[in-house]
Amino acid sequence: MMVKTEKFPPSAPSAVGFRLWIEAAVNDGFQREAMALRLTLRDAAALRRDPSLPLEDISYAGGVMRYLGVEVVAGGVERSSLDRTPEATPAPPPVPVKKKPAKPKIRK
């Protein structure tokens, strides 16, 4: 009797893997400002919380997260990737936040 084995997808790339992608693209002549690092929500959270990253590698200036000068777009993808032409594939629209109505104050 043959035993079926499950094939799991390769582990998600880490900050080191993202750094290699970015450096390879820069070596190919792409500008950091013209690229977008499209990450799954899980990878984006892991990148934000990675204690091994120097503070200089991540910035949040202007409300945009950047890793090594490359804009990080979280969510909207099944697998993380480096988009060398972000104009070709627009970022996913932001998720609308539902605001709860304020409770009326009861005065006695």
PDB file of N, CA and C in Angstrom:
ATOM      1  N   MET A   1       0.840  -1.169   0.000  1.00  0.00           N
ATOM      2  CA  MET A   1       0.000   0.000   0.000  1.00  0.00           C
ATOM      3  C   MET A   1       0.892   1.242   0.000  1.00  0.00           C
ATOM      4  N   MET A   2       0.583   2.186  -0.895  1.00  0.00           N
ATOM      5  CA  MET A   2       1.365   3.403  -0.993  1.00  0.00           C
ATOM      6  C   MET A   2       0.800   4.460  -0.057  1.00  0.00           C
ATOM      7  N   VAL A   3       1.674   5.166   0.581  1.00  0.00           N
ATOM      8  CA  VAL A   3       1.258   6.240   1.469  1.00  0.00           C
ATOM      9  C   VAL A   3       1.308   7.549   0.700  1.00  0.00           C
ATOM     10  N   LYS A   4       0.221   8.296   0.787  1.00  0.00           N
ATOM     11  CA  LYS A   4       0.172   9.582   0.118  1.00  0.00           C
ATOM     12  C   LYS A   4       0.846  10.628   0.989  1.00  0.00           C
ATOM     13  N   THR A   5       1.711  11.399   0.404  1.00  0.00           N
ATOM     14  CA  THR A   5       2.351  12.481   1.156  1.00  0.00           C
ATOM     15  C   THR A   5       1.858  13.810   0.633  1.00  0.00           C
ATOM     16  N   GLU A   6       1.692  14.719   1.530  1.00  0.00           N
ATOM     17  CA  GLU A   6       1.252  16.067   1.168  1.00  0.00           C
ATOM     18  C   GLU A   6       2.454  16.888   0.756  1.00  0.00           C
ATOM     19  N   LYS A   7       2.297  17.641  -0.298  1.00  0.00           N
ATOM     20  CA  LYS A   7       3.347  18.566  -0.695  1.00  0.00           C
ATOM     21  C   LYS A   7       2.933  19.954  -0.234  1.00  0.00           C
ATOM     22  N   PHE A   8       3.722  20.526   0.623  1.00  0.00           N
ATOM     23  CA  PHE A   8       3.433  21.851   1.136  1.00  0.00           C
ATOM     24  C   PHE A   8       4.147  22.880   0.275  1.00  0.00           C
ATOM     25  N   PRO A   9       3.536  24.071   0.141  1.00  0.00           N
ATOM     26  CA  PRO A   9       4.209  25.110  -0.632  1.00  0.00           C
ATOM     27  C   PRO A   9       5.501  25.528   0.072  1.00  0.00           C
ATOM     28  N   PRO A  10       6.465  26.024  -0.685  1.00  0.00           N
ATOM     29  CA  PRO A  10       7.709  26.447  -0.050  1.00  0.00           C
ATOM     30  C   PRO A  10       7.430  27.538   0.971  1.00  0.00           C
ATOM     31  N   SER A  11       8.281  27.624   1.962  1.00  0.00           N
ATOM     32  CA  SER A  11       8.057  28.615   3.003  1.00  0.00           C
ATOM     33  C   SER A  11       8.118  30.015   2.406  1.00  0.00           C
ATOM     34  N   ALA A  12       7.414  30.906   3.044  1.00  0.00           N
ATOM     35  CA  ALA A  12       7.343  32.279   2.559  1.00  0.00           C
ATOM     36  C   ALA A  12       8.718  32.927   2.626  1.00  0.00           C
ATOM     37  N   PRO A  13       9.009  33.793   1.669  1.00  0.00           N
ATOM     38  CA  PRO A  13      10.305  34.464   1.707  1.00  0.00           C
ATOM     39  C   PRO A  13      10.399  35.379   2.928  1.00  0.00           C
ATOM     40  N   SER A  14      11.585  35.563   3.410  1.00  0.00           N
ATOM     41  CA  SER A  14      11.796  36.411   4.577  1.00  0.00           C
ATOM     42  C   SER A  14      12.320  37.761   4.126  1.00  0.00           C
ATOM     43  N   ALA A  15      12.630  38.594   5.092  1.00  0.00           N
ATOM     44  CA  ALA A  15      13.195  39.905   4.787  1.00  0.00           C
ATOM     45  C   ALA A  15      14.480  39.763   3.988  1.00  0.00           C
ATOM     46  N   VAL A  16      15.243  38.716   4.263  1.00  0.00           N
ATOM     47  CA  VAL A  16      16.482  38.473   3.510  1.00  0.00           C
ATOM     48  C   VAL A  16      16.153  38.182   2.051  1.00  0.00           C
ATOM     49  N   GLY A  17      15.116  37.386   1.827  1.00  0.00           N
ATOM     50  CA  GLY A  17      14.695  37.079   0.463  1.00  0.00           C
ATOM     51  C   GLY A  17      14.213  38.325  -0.270  1.00  0.00           C
ATOM     52  N   PHE A  18      13.444  39.175   0.429  1.00  0.00           N
ATOM     53  CA  PHE A  18      12.974  40.413  -0.181  1.00  0.00           C
ATOM     54  C   PHE A  18      14.161  41.312  -0.526  1.00  0.00           C
ATOM     55  N   ARG A  19      15.164  41.357   0.340  1.00  0.00           N
ATOM     56  CA  ARG A  19      16.367  42.159   0.097  1.00  0.00           C
ATOM     57  C   ARG A  19      17.076  41.661  -1.170  1.00  0.00           C
ATOM     58  N   LEU A  20      17.169  40.334  -1.329  1.00  0.00           N
ATOM     59  CA  LEU A  20      17.815  39.775  -2.517  1.00  0.00           C
ATOM     60  C   LEU A  20      17.055  40.146  -3.789  1.00  0.00           C
ATOM     61  N   TRP A  21      15.724  40.092  -3.724  1.00  0.00           N
ATOM     62  CA  TRP A  21      14.914  40.469  -4.877  1.00  0.00           C
ATOM     63  C   TRP A  21      15.187  41.919  -5.267  1.00  0.00           C
ATOM     64  N   ILE A  22      15.186  42.795  -4.267  1.00  0.00           N
ATOM     65  CA  ILE A  22      15.373  44.229  -4.523  1.00  0.00           C
ATOM     66  C   ILE A  22      16.769  44.495  -5.074  1.00  0.00           C
ATOM     67  N   GLU A  23      17.787  43.899  -4.465  1.00  0.00           N
ATOM     68  CA  GLU A  23      19.155  44.112  -4.929  1.00  0.00           C
ATOM     69  C   GLU A  23      19.352  43.596  -6.347  1.00  0.00           C
ATOM     70  N   ALA A  24      18.727  42.462  -6.687  1.00  0.00           N
ATOM     71  CA  ALA A  24      18.828  41.924  -8.043  1.00  0.00           C
ATOM     72  C   ALA A  24      18.177  42.875  -9.048  1.00  0.00           C
ATOM     73  N   ALA A  25      17.040  43.456  -8.683  1.00  0.00           N
ATOM     74  CA  ALA A  25      16.359  44.391  -9.580  1.00  0.00           C
ATOM     75  C   ALA A  25      17.176  45.668  -9.756  1.00  0.00           C
ATOM     76  N   VAL A  26      17.773  46.155  -8.674  1.00  0.00           N
ATOM     77  CA  VAL A  26      18.616  47.353  -8.764  1.00  0.00           C
ATOM     78  C   VAL A  26      19.823  47.058  -9.655  1.00  0.00           C
ATOM     79  N   ASN A  27      20.409  45.878  -9.520  1.00  0.00           N
ATOM     80  CA  ASN A  27      21.539  45.492 -10.380  1.00  0.00           C
ATOM     81  C   ASN A  27      21.131  45.384 -11.840  1.00  0.00           C
ATOM     82  N   ASP A  28      19.832  45.081 -12.094  1.00  0.00           N
ATOM     83  CA  ASP A  28      19.320  45.012 -13.464  1.00  0.00           C
ATOM     84  C   ASP A  28      18.983  46.391 -14.023  1.00  0.00           C
ATOM     85  N   GLY A  29      19.148  47.437 -13.198  1.00  0.00           N
ATOM     86  CA  GLY A  29      18.933  48.803 -13.676  1.00  0.00           C
ATOM     87  C   GLY A  29      17.615  49.432 -13.283  1.00  0.00           C
ATOM     88  N   PHE A  30      16.822  48.788 -12.448  1.00  0.00           N
ATOM     89  CA  PHE A  30      15.547  49.362 -12.028  1.00  0.00           C
ATOM     90  C   PHE A  30      15.765  50.317 -10.858  1.00  0.00           C
ATOM     91  N   GLN A  31      14.985  51.388 -10.824  1.00  0.00           N
ATOM     92  CA  GLN A  31      15.041  52.350  -9.732  1.00  0.00           C
ATOM     93  C   GLN A  31      14.147  51.869  -8.590  1.00  0.00           C
ATOM     94  N   ARG A  32      14.594  52.081  -7.369  1.00  0.00           N
ATOM     95  CA  ARG A  32      13.805  51.644  -6.205  1.00  0.00           C
ATOM     96  C   ARG A  32      12.438  52.328  -6.171  1.00  0.00           C
ATOM     97  N   GLU A  33      12.383  53.583  -6.596  1.00  0.00           N
ATOM     98  CA  GLU A  33      11.129  54.339  -6.570  1.00  0.00           C
ATOM     99  C   GLU A  33      10.124  53.808  -7.589  1.00  0.00           C
ATOM    100  N   ALA A  34      10.594  53.075  -8.593  1.00  0.00           N
ATOM    101  CA  ALA A  34       9.719  52.560  -9.653  1.00  0.00           C
ATOM    102  C   ALA A  34       9.249  51.134  -9.372  1.00  0.00           C
ATOM    103  N   MET A  35       9.592  50.594  -8.212  1.00  0.00           N
ATOM    104  CA  MET A  35       9.209  49.226  -7.879  1.00  0.00           C
ATOM    105  C   MET A  35       8.206  49.222  -6.730  1.00  0.00           C
ATOM    106  N   ALA A  36       7.513  48.104  -6.588  1.00  0.00           N
ATOM    107  CA  ALA A  36       6.606  47.895  -5.460  1.00  0.00           C
ATOM    108  C   ALA A  36       6.781  46.454  -4.979  1.00  0.00           C
ATOM    109  N   LEU A  37       6.916  46.312  -3.683  1.00  0.00           N
ATOM    110  CA  LEU A  37       7.017  44.996  -3.071  1.00  0.00           C
ATOM    111  C   LEU A  37       5.609  44.604  -2.642  1.00  0.00           C
ATOM    112  N   ARG A  38       4.987  43.718  -3.420  1.00  0.00           N
ATOM    113  CA  ARG A  38       3.608  43.306  -3.142  1.00  0.00           C
ATOM    114  C   ARG A  38       3.656  42.070  -2.253  1.00  0.00           C
ATOM    115  N   LEU A  39       3.190  42.247  -1.017  1.00  0.00           N
ATOM    116  CA  LEU A  39       3.287  41.185  -0.018  1.00  0.00           C
ATOM    117  C   LEU A  39       1.914  40.701   0.401  1.00  0.00           C
ATOM    118  N   THR A  40       1.855  39.434   0.772  1.00  0.00           N
ATOM    119  CA  THR A  40       0.645  38.924   1.406  1.00  0.00           C
ATOM    120  C   THR A  40       0.539  39.610   2.764  1.00  0.00           C
ATOM    121  N   LEU A  41      -0.638  39.601   3.334  1.00  0.00           N
ATOM    122  CA  LEU A  41      -0.803  40.233   4.645  1.00  0.00           C
ATOM    123  C   LEU A  41       0.115  39.589   5.681  1.00  0.00           C
ATOM    124  N   ARG A  42       0.268  38.278   5.563  1.00  0.00           N
ATOM    125  CA  ARG A  42       1.131  37.560   6.512  1.00  0.00           C
ATOM    126  C   ARG A  42       2.594  37.991   6.373  1.00  0.00           C
ATOM    127  N   ASP A  43       3.087  38.083   5.132  1.00  0.00           N
ATOM    128  CA  ASP A  43       4.468  38.488   4.918  1.00  0.00           C
ATOM    129  C   ASP A  43       4.699  39.940   5.343  1.00  0.00           C
ATOM    130  N   ALA A  44       3.716  40.797   5.087  1.00  0.00           N
ATOM    131  CA  ALA A  44       3.851  42.202   5.489  1.00  0.00           C
ATOM    132  C   ALA A  44       3.919  42.318   7.006  1.00  0.00           C
ATOM    133  N   ALA A  45       3.084  41.563   7.711  1.00  0.00           N
ATOM    134  CA  ALA A  45       3.115  41.588   9.166  1.00  0.00           C
ATOM    135  C   ALA A  45       4.441  41.048   9.693  1.00  0.00           C
ATOM    136  N   ALA A  46       4.939  39.989   9.069  1.00  0.00           N
ATOM    137  CA  ALA A  46       6.220  39.416   9.493  1.00  0.00           C
ATOM    138  C   ALA A  46       7.360  40.403   9.255  1.00  0.00           C
ATOM    139  N   LEU A  47       7.305  41.134   8.155  1.00  0.00           N
ATOM    140  CA  LEU A  47       8.339  42.126   7.860  1.00  0.00           C
ATOM    141  C   LEU A  47       8.316  43.251   8.889  1.00  0.00           C
ATOM    142  N   ARG A  48       7.116  43.719   9.236  1.00  0.00           N
ATOM    143  CA  ARG A  48       6.996  44.797  10.231  1.00  0.00           C
ATOM    144  C   ARG A  48       7.510  44.366  11.594  1.00  0.00           C
ATOM    145  N   ARG A  49       7.349  43.098  11.918  1.00  0.00           N
ATOM    146  CA  ARG A  49       7.681  42.624  13.268  1.00  0.00           C
ATOM    147  C   ARG A  49       9.038  41.920  13.358  1.00  0.00           C
ATOM    148  N   ASP A  50       9.802  41.924  12.289  1.00  0.00           N
ATOM    149  CA  ASP A  50      11.086  41.221  12.272  1.00  0.00           C
ATOM    150  C   ASP A  50      12.102  41.983  13.132  1.00  0.00           C
ATOM    151  N   PRO A  51      12.503  41.408  14.272  1.00  0.00           N
ATOM    152  CA  PRO A  51      13.429  42.112  15.161  1.00  0.00           C
ATOM    153  C   PRO A  51      14.862  42.169  14.638  1.00  0.00           C
ATOM    154  N   SER A  52      15.171  41.390  13.611  1.00  0.00           N
ATOM    155  CA  SER A  52      16.536  41.370  13.099  1.00  0.00           C
ATOM    156  C   SER A  52      16.804  42.495  12.095  1.00  0.00           C
ATOM    157  N   LEU A  53      15.746  43.202  11.661  1.00  0.00           N
ATOM    158  CA  LEU A  53      15.919  44.263  10.673  1.00  0.00           C
ATOM    159  C   LEU A  53      16.414  45.549  11.325  1.00  0.00           C
ATOM    160  N   PRO A  54      17.400  46.199  10.721  1.00  0.00           N
ATOM    161  CA  PRO A  54      17.808  47.512  11.219  1.00  0.00           C
ATOM    162  C   PRO A  54      16.691  48.533  10.998  1.00  0.00           C
ATOM    163  N   LEU A  55      16.575  49.504  11.867  1.00  0.00           N
ATOM    164  CA  LEU A  55      15.521  50.508  11.762  1.00  0.00           C
ATOM    165  C   LEU A  55      15.618  51.305  10.464  1.00  0.00           C
ATOM    166  N   GLU A  56      16.816  51.428   9.920  1.00  0.00           N
ATOM    167  CA  GLU A  56      16.999  52.215   8.698  1.00  0.00           C
ATOM    168  C   GLU A  56      16.383  51.534   7.479  1.00  0.00           C
ATOM    169  N   ASP A  57      16.130  50.238   7.543  1.00  0.00           N
ATOM    170  CA  ASP A  57      15.626  49.503   6.385  1.00  0.00           C
ATOM    171  C   ASP A  57      14.138  49.740   6.128  1.00  0.00           C
ATOM    172  N   ILE A  58      13.376  50.095   7.160  1.00  0.00           N
ATOM    173  CA  ILE A  58      11.935  50.287   7.022  1.00  0.00           C
ATOM    174  C   ILE A  58      11.596  51.721   7.382  1.00  0.00           C
ATOM    175  N   SER A  59      10.745  52.345   6.551  1.00  0.00           N
ATOM    176  CA  SER A  59      10.270  53.690   6.864  1.00  0.00           C
ATOM    177  C   SER A  59       8.770  53.763   6.611  1.00  0.00           C
ATOM    178  N   TYR A  60       8.131  54.707   7.272  1.00  0.00           N
ATOM    179  CA  TYR A  60       6.690  54.913   7.135  1.00  0.00           C
ATOM    180  C   TYR A  60       6.395  56.367   6.780  1.00  0.00           C
ATOM    181  N   ALA A  61       7.287  57.024   6.089  1.00  0.00           N
ATOM    182  CA  ALA A  61       7.128  58.440   5.752  1.00  0.00           C
ATOM    183  C   ALA A  61       5.960  58.630   4.792  1.00  0.00           C
ATOM    184  N   GLY A  62       5.172  59.659   5.045  1.00  0.00           N
ATOM    185  CA  GLY A  62       4.055  59.981   4.160  1.00  0.00           C
ATOM    186  C   GLY A  62       2.945  58.953   4.157  1.00  0.00           C
ATOM    187  N   GLY A  63       2.856  58.131   5.184  1.00  0.00           N
ATOM    188  CA  GLY A  63       1.803  57.128   5.267  1.00  0.00           C
ATOM    189  C   GLY A  63       2.032  55.913   4.377  1.00  0.00           C
ATOM    190  N   VAL A  64       3.236  55.784   3.825  1.00  0.00           N
ATOM    191  CA  VAL A  64       3.570  54.660   2.950  1.00  0.00           C
ATOM    192  C   VAL A  64       4.713  53.874   3.577  1.00  0.00           C
ATOM    193  N   MET A  65       4.534  52.575   3.698  1.00  0.00           N
ATOM    194  CA  MET A  65       5.604  51.731   4.206  1.00  0.00           C
ATOM    195  C   MET A  65       6.583  51.450   3.085  1.00  0.00           C
ATOM    196  N   ARG A  66       7.862  51.612   3.384  1.00  0.00           N
ATOM    197  CA  ARG A  66       8.914  51.326   2.409  1.00  0.00           C
ATOM    198  C   ARG A  66       9.946  50.416   3.061  1.00  0.00           C
ATOM    199  N   TYR A  67      10.411  49.445   2.276  1.00  0.00           N
ATOM    200  CA  TYR A  67      11.490  48.557   2.714  1.00  0.00           C
ATOM    201  C   TYR A  67      12.638  48.749   1.749  1.00  0.00           C
ATOM    202  N   LEU A  68      13.760  49.217   2.252  1.00  0.00           N
ATOM    203  CA  LEU A  68      14.951  49.512   1.444  1.00  0.00           C
ATOM    204  C   LEU A  68      14.628  50.495   0.318  1.00  0.00           C
ATOM    205  N   GLY A  69      13.709  51.422   0.575  1.00  0.00           N
ATOM    206  CA  GLY A  69      13.347  52.429  -0.415  1.00  0.00           C
ATOM    207  C   GLY A  69      12.294  51.990  -1.403  1.00  0.00           C
ATOM    208  N   VAL A  70      11.792  50.764  -1.284  1.00  0.00           N
ATOM    209  CA  VAL A  70      10.777  50.234  -2.195  1.00  0.00           C
ATOM    210  C   VAL A  70       9.432  50.232  -1.480  1.00  0.00           C
ATOM    211  N   GLU A  71       8.412  50.765  -2.147  1.00  0.00           N
ATOM    212  CA  GLU A  71       7.079  50.813  -1.544  1.00  0.00           C
ATOM    213  C   GLU A  71       6.557  49.407  -1.287  1.00  0.00           C
ATOM    214  N   VAL A  72       5.979  49.210  -0.102  1.00  0.00           N
ATOM    215  CA  VAL A  72       5.392  47.924   0.274  1.00  0.00           C
ATOM    216  C   VAL A  72       3.878  48.047   0.163  1.00  0.00           C
ATOM    217  N   VAL A  73       3.278  47.145  -0.625  1.00  0.00           N
ATOM    218  CA  VAL A  73       1.831  47.089  -0.777  1.00  0.00           C
ATOM    219  C   VAL A  73       1.379  45.784  -0.139  1.00  0.00           C
ATOM    220  N   ALA A  74       0.626  45.890   0.941  1.00  0.00           N
ATOM    221  CA  ALA A  74       0.202  44.697   1.689  1.00  0.00           C
ATOM    222  C   ALA A  74      -1.186  44.269   1.252  1.00  0.00           C
ATOM    223  N   GLY A  75      -1.347  42.972   1.007  1.00  0.00           N
ATOM    224  CA  GLY A  75      -2.646  42.397   0.680  1.00  0.00           C
ATOM    225  C   GLY A  75      -2.952  42.435  -0.805  1.00  0.00           C
ATOM    226  N   GLY A  76      -3.966  41.685  -1.175  1.00  0.00           N
ATOM    227  CA  GLY A  76      -4.411  41.664  -2.561  1.00  0.00           C
ATOM    228  C   GLY A  76      -3.649  40.696  -3.456  1.00  0.00           C
ATOM    229  N   VAL A  77      -2.722  39.929  -2.882  1.00  0.00           N
ATOM    230  CA  VAL A  77      -1.966  38.953  -3.665  1.00  0.00           C
ATOM    231  C   VAL A  77      -1.947  37.623  -2.926  1.00  0.00           C
ATOM    232  N   GLU A  78      -1.840  36.530  -3.688  1.00  0.00           N
ATOM    233  CA  GLU A  78      -1.766  35.205  -3.081  1.00  0.00           C
ATOM    234  C   GLU A  78      -0.340  34.833  -2.718  1.00  0.00           C
ATOM    235  N   ARG A  79       0.619  35.417  -3.434  1.00  0.00           N
ATOM    236  CA  ARG A  79       2.027  35.122  -3.191  1.00  0.00           C
ATOM    237  C   ARG A  79       2.813  36.427  -3.313  1.00  0.00           C
ATOM    238  N   SER A  80       3.706  36.663  -2.393  1.00  0.00           N
ATOM    239  CA  SER A  80       4.501  37.884  -2.401  1.00  0.00           C
ATOM    240  C   SER A  80       5.415  37.933  -3.620  1.00  0.00           C
ATOM    241  N   SER A  81       5.598  39.156  -4.137  1.00  0.00           N
ATOM    242  CA  SER A  81       6.458  39.328  -5.304  1.00  0.00           C
ATOM    243  C   SER A  81       6.961  40.759  -5.369  1.00  0.00           C
ATOM    244  N   LEU A  82       7.980  40.960  -6.175  1.00  0.00           N
ATOM    245  CA  LEU A  82       8.511  42.293  -6.429  1.00  0.00           C
ATOM    246  C   LEU A  82       8.016  42.726  -7.791  1.00  0.00           C
ATOM    247  N   ASP A  83       7.227  43.782  -7.798  1.00  0.00           N
ATOM    248  CA  ASP A  83       6.677  44.318  -9.037  1.00  0.00           C
ATOM    249  C   ASP A  83       7.605  45.429  -9.510  1.00  0.00           C
ATOM    250  N   ARG A  84       8.241  45.210 -10.640  1.00  0.00           N
ATOM    251  CA  ARG A  84       9.202  46.197 -11.150  1.00  0.00           C
ATOM    252  C   ARG A  84       8.524  47.319 -11.907  1.00  0.00           C
ATOM    253  N   THR A  85       7.261  47.157 -12.232  1.00  0.00           N
ATOM    254  CA  THR A  85       6.498  48.203 -12.908  1.00  0.00           C
ATOM    255  C   THR A  85       5.160  48.371 -12.201  1.00  0.00           C
ATOM    256  N   PRO A  86       5.117  49.096 -11.092  1.00  0.00           N
ATOM    257  CA  PRO A  86       3.871  49.196 -10.325  1.00  0.00           C
ATOM    258  C   PRO A  86       2.744  49.896 -11.069  1.00  0.00           C
ATOM    259  N   GLU A  87       3.059  50.668 -12.124  1.00  0.00           N
ATOM    260  CA  GLU A  87       2.005  51.341 -12.869  1.00  0.00           C
ATOM    261  C   GLU A  87       1.135  50.333 -13.616  1.00  0.00           C
ATOM    262  N   ALA A  88       1.707  49.192 -13.992  1.00  0.00           N
ATOM    263  CA  ALA A  88       0.986  48.192 -14.773  1.00  0.00           C
ATOM    264  C   ALA A  88      -0.071  47.467 -13.939  1.00  0.00           C
ATOM    265  N   THR A  89       0.190  47.298 -12.656  1.00  0.00           N
ATOM    266  CA  THR A  89      -0.763  46.607 -11.791  1.00  0.00           C
ATOM    267  C   THR A  89      -1.053  47.500 -10.590  1.00  0.00           C
ATOM    268  N   PRO A  90      -2.208  48.166 -10.594  1.00  0.00           N
ATOM    269  CA  PRO A  90      -2.508  49.098  -9.514  1.00  0.00           C
ATOM    270  C   PRO A  90      -2.663  48.395  -8.172  1.00  0.00           C
ATOM    271  N   ALA A  91      -2.412  49.151  -7.134  1.00  0.00           N
ATOM    272  CA  ALA A  91      -2.555  48.627  -5.776  1.00  0.00           C
ATOM    273  C   ALA A  91      -4.030  48.345  -5.504  1.00  0.00           C
ATOM    274  N   PRO A  92      -4.320  47.362  -4.652  1.00  0.00           N
ATOM    275  CA  PRO A  92      -5.718  47.084  -4.338  1.00  0.00           C
ATOM    276  C   PRO A  92      -6.328  48.265  -3.589  1.00  0.00           C
ATOM    277  N   PRO A  93      -7.633  48.496  -3.777  1.00  0.00           N
ATOM    278  CA  PRO A  93      -8.256  49.619  -3.084  1.00  0.00           C
ATOM    279  C   PRO A  93      -8.239  49.392  -1.581  1.00  0.00           C
ATOM    280  N   PRO A  94      -8.170  50.462  -0.812  1.00  0.00           N
ATOM    281  CA  PRO A  94      -8.157  50.292   0.639  1.00  0.00           C
ATOM    282  C   PRO A  94      -9.495  49.737   1.122  1.00  0.00           C
ATOM    283  N   VAL A  95      -9.432  48.969   2.168  1.00  0.00           N
ATOM    284  CA  VAL A  95     -10.634  48.379   2.743  1.00  0.00           C
ATOM    285  C   VAL A  95     -11.370  49.465   3.521  1.00  0.00           C
ATOM    286  N   PRO A  96     -12.655  49.694   3.206  1.00  0.00           N
ATOM    287  CA  PRO A  96     -13.381  50.736   3.933  1.00  0.00           C
ATOM    288  C   PRO A  96     -13.579  50.339   5.390  1.00  0.00           C
ATOM    289  N   VAL A  97     -13.441  51.317   6.249  1.00  0.00           N
ATOM    290  CA  VAL A  97     -13.606  51.090   7.683  1.00  0.00           C
ATOM    291  C   VAL A  97     -15.011  51.524   8.060  1.00  0.00           C
ATOM    292  N   LYS A  98     -15.745  50.607   8.657  1.00  0.00           N
ATOM    293  CA  LYS A  98     -17.103  50.931   9.087  1.00  0.00           C
ATOM    294  C   LYS A  98     -17.041  51.615  10.445  1.00  0.00           C
ATOM    295  N   LYS A  99     -17.631  52.785  10.496  1.00  0.00           N
ATOM    296  CA  LYS A  99     -17.647  53.516  11.763  1.00  0.00           C
ATOM    297  C   LYS A  99     -18.971  53.250  12.464  1.00  0.00           C
ATOM    298  N   LYS A 100     -18.862  52.990  13.742  1.00  0.00           N
ATOM    299  CA  LYS A 100     -20.059  52.775  14.530  1.00  0.00           C
ATOM    300  C   LYS A 100     -20.633  54.138  14.908  1.00  0.00           C
ATOM    301  N   PRO A 101     -21.960  54.268  14.871  1.00  0.00           N
ATOM    302  CA  PRO A 101     -22.535  55.550  15.266  1.00  0.00           C
ATOM    303  C   PRO A 101     -22.309  55.774  16.762  1.00  0.00           C
ATOM    304  N   ALA A 102     -22.122  57.026  17.110  1.00  0.00           N
ATOM    305  CA  ALA A 102     -21.893  57.368  18.518  1.00  0.00           C
ATOM    306  C   ALA A 102     -23.182  57.137  19.308  1.00  0.00           C
ATOM    307  N   LYS A 103     -23.014  56.661  20.511  1.00  0.00           N
ATOM    308  CA  LYS A 103     -24.167  56.438  21.376  1.00  0.00           C
ATOM    309  C   LYS A 103     -24.618  57.790  21.912  1.00  0.00           C
ATOM    310  N   PRO A 104     -25.931  58.010  21.911  1.00  0.00           N
ATOM    311  CA  PRO A 104     -26.394  59.301  22.451  1.00  0.00           C
ATOM    312  C   PRO A 104     -26.174  59.356  23.959  1.00  0.00           C
ATOM    313  N   LYS A 105     -25.831  60.540  24.409  1.00  0.00           N
ATOM    314  CA  LYS A 105     -25.621  60.724  25.851  1.00  0.00           C
ATOM    315  C   LYS A 105     -26.967  60.962  26.507  1.00  0.00           C
ATOM    316  N   ILE A 106     -27.180  60.278  27.594  1.00  0.00           N
ATOM    317  CA  ILE A 106     -28.422  60.413  28.346  1.00  0.00           C
ATOM    318  C   ILE A 106     -28.174  61.360  29.501  1.00  0.00           C
ATOM    319  N   ARG A 107     -28.928  62.430  29.513  1.00  0.00           N
ATOM    320  CA  ARG A 107     -28.766  63.415  30.600  1.00  0.00           C
ATOM    321  C   ARG A 107     -29.933  63.284  31.554  1.00  0.00           C
ATOM    322  N   LYS A 108     -29.623  63.368  32.809  1.00  0.00           N
ATOM    323  CA  LYS A 108     -30.672  63.251  33.820  1.00  0.00           C
ATOM    324  C   LYS A 108     -30.999  64.584  34.414  1.00  0.00           C
TER     325      LYS A 108
END
